[in-house]
Amino acid sequence: MVIDYSRIIVGFFILIFFTLGYFLKLDILILSLITIFVIIELYLSKFISKISDIIIIAFFIILFPLIYINNKIIFFINILFFLFVLINIFLPNFYFKKFFLLSVLIFVHNFFTFIYFDRNLLYLTIMVAFFNDTVAYISGRTLKGPLIVPSISPNKTWSGTTVSFIFTLFLIYQFDISILLASFLSISLFFGDIFFSYVKRNYNLKDFSNFLKGHGGFLDRLDSMFFFSVIINYIFL
């Protein structure tokens, strides 16, 4: 397997974009643009196809400011997030697209929650996820070896996942997070990636879009943050 350097270069520029966003305090603008692209990708991938889907999105947008009033509300909404994910996994024929849409909306909402309570958590999540993905990609392509779940993720190797897990665990540990919790957070990045791969395989999608050269779409780039962001939300908020 050959390393796609264009993928790494695009990833580097994306990271610069977020770095500038951090220092220039463009959080709301950046997340608003990402949300727009995510909704477009969900539409292009047929996860938004009915009026009821538009109503769900509108409801969440209206609900966003109200959720900030009480942290406990955020806690229960994230409980719903895991419920929706479990329904997708164990009841794949039960309104799959609706529940995936709902879980993605909660996922995106967590990013806005970070800005409201502690914007550093947003950039911590992005930095750790980008670091993990890059290490997994380079080590997997270099070391190669057997695949973990080829039927779901044809490029995910044991070597890449193991190396990225160890390096990411060490990185998270530097932020005064216990070794046990750091391990849990590190492995959650892998499961976020696998869950999105599972969704795409169910609908014969390679990527949610081709907005980002070598990376697919924004959802393809955010997938490893899926569970990580919710767990960070529980820990710090």
Protein backbone atom coordinates (compact mmCIF):
# COMPACT_ATOMS: atom_id res chain seq x y z
CA MET A 1 0.00 0.00 0.00
CA VAL A 2 1.38 3.41 -1.04
CA ILE A 3 1.07 6.50 1.13
CA ASP A 4 -1.11 9.17 -0.50
CA TYR A 5 0.87 12.33 0.27
CA SER A 6 -1.87 14.56 -1.15
CA ARG A 7 -4.08 13.28 1.66
CA ILE A 8 -1.48 14.30 4.23
CA ILE A 9 -0.99 17.72 2.63
CA VAL A 10 -4.74 18.42 2.60
CA GLY A 11 -4.93 17.28 6.22
CA PHE A 12 -2.07 19.65 7.09
CA PHE A 13 -3.89 22.62 5.56
CA ILE A 14 -7.10 21.67 7.36
CA LEU A 15 -5.16 21.67 10.63
CA ILE A 16 -3.74 25.12 9.82
CA PHE A 17 -7.29 26.30 9.15
CA PHE A 18 -8.41 25.16 12.61
CA THR A 19 -5.28 26.61 14.22
CA LEU A 20 -6.02 30.02 12.72
CA GLY A 21 -9.62 29.62 13.83
CA TYR A 22 -8.43 29.08 17.40
CA PHE A 23 -6.16 32.13 17.58
CA LEU A 24 -8.55 34.40 15.66
CA LYS A 25 -11.53 33.10 17.69
CA LEU A 26 -13.57 32.16 14.63
CA ASP A 27 -15.17 29.18 16.38
CA ILE A 28 -18.80 29.95 15.57
CA LEU A 29 -18.03 30.75 11.94
CA ILE A 30 -15.98 27.57 11.47
CA LEU A 31 -18.57 25.31 13.10
CA SER A 32 -21.42 26.97 11.20
CA LEU A 33 -19.63 26.29 7.90
CA ILE A 34 -18.90 22.69 8.93
CA THR A 35 -22.56 22.20 9.92
CA ILE A 36 -23.71 23.48 6.52
CA PHE A 37 -21.35 21.10 4.70
CA VAL A 38 -22.41 18.19 6.93
CA ILE A 39 -26.08 18.83 6.15
CA ILE A 40 -25.26 19.04 2.43
CA GLU A 41 -23.38 15.73 2.64
CA LEU A 42 -26.27 14.07 4.45
CA TYR A 43 -28.59 15.32 1.72
CA LEU A 44 -26.31 14.12 -1.08
CA SER A 45 -26.04 10.72 0.63
CA LYS A 46 -29.86 10.47 0.89
CA PHE A 47 -29.92 10.64 4.70
CA ILE A 48 -32.05 13.76 4.29
CA SER A 49 -34.81 13.07 1.82
CA LYS A 50 -38.13 13.98 3.43
CA ILE A 51 -39.87 17.00 4.94
CA SER A 52 -39.73 15.27 8.33
CA ASP A 53 -35.91 15.30 8.11
CA ILE A 54 -35.93 19.06 7.52
CA ILE A 55 -38.24 19.49 10.52
CA ILE A 56 -35.85 17.46 12.70
CA ILE A 57 -32.93 19.68 11.66
CA ALA A 58 -34.93 22.87 12.25
CA PHE A 59 -36.01 21.59 15.67
CA PHE A 60 -32.40 20.99 16.71
CA ILE A 61 -31.31 24.43 15.51
CA ILE A 62 -34.08 26.06 17.54
CA LEU A 63 -33.28 23.86 20.53
CA PHE A 64 -29.55 24.67 20.60
CA PRO A 65 -29.77 27.91 22.65
CA LEU A 66 -32.22 26.36 25.13
CA ILE A 67 -29.91 23.44 25.90
CA TYR A 68 -27.20 25.77 27.20
CA ILE A 69 -29.40 26.77 30.12
CA ASN A 70 -28.81 23.51 31.99
CA ASN A 71 -25.94 21.03 31.80
CA LYS A 72 -28.26 18.19 32.86
CA ILE A 73 -30.23 18.61 29.65
CA ILE A 74 -27.03 18.09 27.68
CA PHE A 75 -26.37 14.93 29.70
CA PHE A 76 -29.74 13.41 28.77
CA ILE A 77 -29.39 14.41 25.13
CA ASN A 78 -26.09 12.53 24.98
CA ILE A 79 -27.83 9.51 26.50
CA LEU A 80 -30.19 9.72 23.53
CA PHE A 81 -27.14 9.87 21.26
CA PHE A 82 -25.93 6.47 22.44
CA LEU A 83 -29.48 5.10 22.21
CA PHE A 84 -29.74 6.20 18.58
CA VAL A 85 -26.36 4.62 17.79
CA LEU A 86 -27.38 1.33 19.41
CA ILE A 87 -30.60 1.32 17.39
CA ASN A 88 -28.55 1.82 14.22
CA ILE A 89 -26.32 -1.13 15.12
CA PHE A 90 -28.81 -3.65 16.49
CA LEU A 91 -31.97 -2.62 14.61
CA PRO A 92 -30.53 -1.61 11.21
CA ASN A 93 -33.91 -1.82 9.48
CA PHE A 94 -35.69 0.40 12.00
CA TYR A 95 -35.64 3.95 10.57
CA PHE A 96 -31.87 3.68 10.11
CA LYS A 97 -31.46 6.99 8.29
CA LYS A 98 -33.59 8.92 10.80
CA PHE A 99 -31.62 7.70 13.81
CA PHE A 100 -28.29 8.24 12.09
CA LEU A 101 -29.37 11.80 11.24
CA LEU A 102 -30.35 12.38 14.88
CA SER A 103 -27.06 11.04 16.20
CA VAL A 104 -25.06 13.24 13.78
CA LEU A 105 -27.03 16.33 14.84
CA ILE A 106 -26.26 15.64 18.51
CA PHE A 107 -22.63 15.03 17.59
CA VAL A 108 -22.39 18.42 15.83
CA HIS A 109 -24.26 20.06 18.69
CA ASN A 110 -21.58 18.88 21.13
CA PHE A 111 -19.05 21.01 19.25
CA PHE A 112 -21.19 24.10 19.81
CA THR A 113 -21.55 23.11 23.46
CA PHE A 114 -17.77 23.09 23.79
CA ILE A 115 -17.61 26.68 22.53
CA TYR A 116 -20.20 27.80 25.05
CA PHE A 117 -18.58 26.16 28.09
CA ASP A 118 -14.89 25.74 27.17
CA ARG A 119 -13.68 26.36 23.62
CA ASN A 120 -10.38 24.60 24.38
CA LEU A 121 -12.27 21.28 24.45
CA LEU A 122 -13.27 21.76 20.81
CA TYR A 123 -9.68 22.18 19.67
CA LEU A 124 -8.45 19.42 21.97
CA THR A 125 -10.90 17.05 20.27
CA ILE A 126 -9.86 18.17 16.78
CA MET A 127 -6.14 18.00 17.55
CA VAL A 128 -6.28 14.54 19.13
CA ALA A 129 -8.47 13.13 16.33
CA PHE A 130 -6.25 14.54 13.57
CA PHE A 131 -3.14 13.23 15.31
CA ASN A 132 -4.70 9.78 15.73
CA ASP A 133 -5.91 9.58 12.12
CA THR A 134 -2.55 10.67 10.72
CA VAL A 135 -0.53 8.22 12.82
CA ALA A 136 -2.96 5.40 12.00
CA TYR A 137 -2.78 6.16 8.27
CA ILE A 138 1.01 6.44 8.03
CA SER A 139 1.80 3.48 10.32
CA GLY A 140 -0.87 1.30 8.69
CA ARG A 141 0.44 2.02 5.21
CA THR A 142 4.05 1.53 6.29
CA LEU A 143 3.76 -1.55 8.51
CA LYS A 144 0.79 -3.09 6.65
CA GLY A 145 -0.37 -6.44 8.04
CA PRO A 146 -3.81 -8.02 8.56
CA LEU A 147 -7.04 -6.03 8.48
CA ILE A 148 -9.28 -5.77 11.55
CA VAL A 149 -12.74 -5.78 9.96
CA PRO A 150 -12.26 -5.98 6.18
CA SER A 151 -16.00 -6.36 5.53
CA ILE A 152 -16.60 -2.91 7.09
CA SER A 153 -13.32 -1.02 6.80
CA PRO A 154 -11.06 -2.41 4.05
CA ASN A 155 -8.07 -0.24 5.02
CA LYS A 156 -8.05 -0.50 8.82
CA THR A 157 -5.05 -2.61 9.89
CA TRP A 158 -4.08 -3.97 13.28
CA SER A 159 -0.66 -2.34 12.96
CA GLY A 160 -2.00 1.15 12.22
CA THR A 161 -4.69 0.96 14.89
CA THR A 162 -2.30 -0.34 17.57
CA VAL A 163 0.40 2.26 16.89
CA SER A 164 -2.14 5.12 16.77
CA PHE A 165 -3.78 3.88 19.97
CA ILE A 166 -0.47 3.93 21.87
CA PHE A 167 0.68 7.34 20.57
CA THR A 168 -2.76 8.91 21.07
CA LEU A 169 -3.02 7.44 24.57
CA PHE A 170 0.30 9.09 25.44
CA LEU A 171 -0.85 12.42 23.95
CA ILE A 172 -4.15 12.46 25.88
CA TYR A 173 -2.32 11.49 29.08
CA GLN A 174 -0.33 14.75 28.81
CA PHE A 175 -3.55 16.69 29.52
CA ASP A 176 -3.75 15.37 33.11
CA ILE A 177 -6.24 12.67 32.20
CA SER A 178 -5.87 9.33 33.95
CA ILE A 179 -4.26 6.48 32.03
CA LEU A 180 -7.50 4.45 32.19
CA LEU A 181 -9.64 7.29 30.84
CA ALA A 182 -7.00 8.18 28.26
CA SER A 183 -7.12 4.56 27.04
CA PHE A 184 -10.90 4.70 26.80
CA LEU A 185 -10.78 7.96 24.84
CA SER A 186 -8.07 6.66 22.53
CA ILE A 187 -10.00 3.50 21.61
CA SER A 188 -13.20 5.54 21.12
CA LEU A 189 -11.55 7.19 18.09
CA PHE A 190 -11.27 3.78 16.45
CA PHE A 191 -14.91 2.92 17.14
CA GLY A 192 -16.10 6.26 15.74
CA ASP A 193 -14.27 5.52 12.51
CA ILE A 194 -15.63 1.96 12.37
CA PHE A 195 -19.21 3.08 13.05
CA PHE A 196 -19.16 5.52 10.14
CA SER A 197 -17.61 2.84 7.92
CA TYR A 198 -20.45 0.53 8.98
CA VAL A 199 -23.03 3.17 7.99
CA LYS A 200 -21.37 3.75 4.61
CA ARG A 201 -21.12 0.02 3.83
CA ASN A 202 -24.83 -0.39 4.61
CA TYR A 203 -25.60 2.15 1.90
CA ASN A 204 -22.78 1.31 -0.51
CA LEU A 205 -21.06 4.65 0.01
CA LYS A 206 -17.31 5.08 -0.34
CA ASP A 207 -17.42 8.58 1.15
CA PHE A 208 -20.14 11.01 2.16
CA SER A 209 -18.80 13.46 -0.44
CA ASN A 210 -15.57 14.43 -2.21
CA PHE A 211 -15.28 17.97 -0.82
CA LEU A 212 -11.84 17.25 0.68
CA LYS A 213 -9.31 15.67 -1.68
CA GLY A 214 -8.06 12.35 -0.30
CA HIS A 215 -10.35 12.60 2.73
CA GLY A 216 -13.82 12.29 1.24
CA GLY A 217 -16.17 14.73 2.93
CA PHE A 218 -16.38 16.58 6.22
CA LEU A 219 -18.24 13.70 7.83
CA ASP A 220 -15.51 11.32 6.69
CA ARG A 221 -12.97 13.61 8.35
CA LEU A 222 -14.98 13.96 11.59
CA ASP A 223 -15.88 10.29 12.03
CA SER A 224 -13.24 9.41 14.64
CA MET A 225 -14.47 12.29 16.82
CA PHE A 226 -17.99 10.85 16.91
CA PHE A 227 -17.81 9.08 20.29
CA PHE A 228 -14.76 10.96 21.55
CA SER A 229 -16.61 14.30 21.60
CA VAL A 230 -19.53 12.88 23.58
CA ILE A 231 -17.24 11.28 26.16
CA ILE A 232 -15.26 14.53 26.53
CA ASN A 233 -18.60 16.27 27.05
CA TYR A 234 -19.41 13.94 29.96
CA ILE A 235 -15.98 14.31 31.54
CA PHE A 236 -15.53 18.05 31.49
CA LEU A 237 -18.98 19.67 31.29
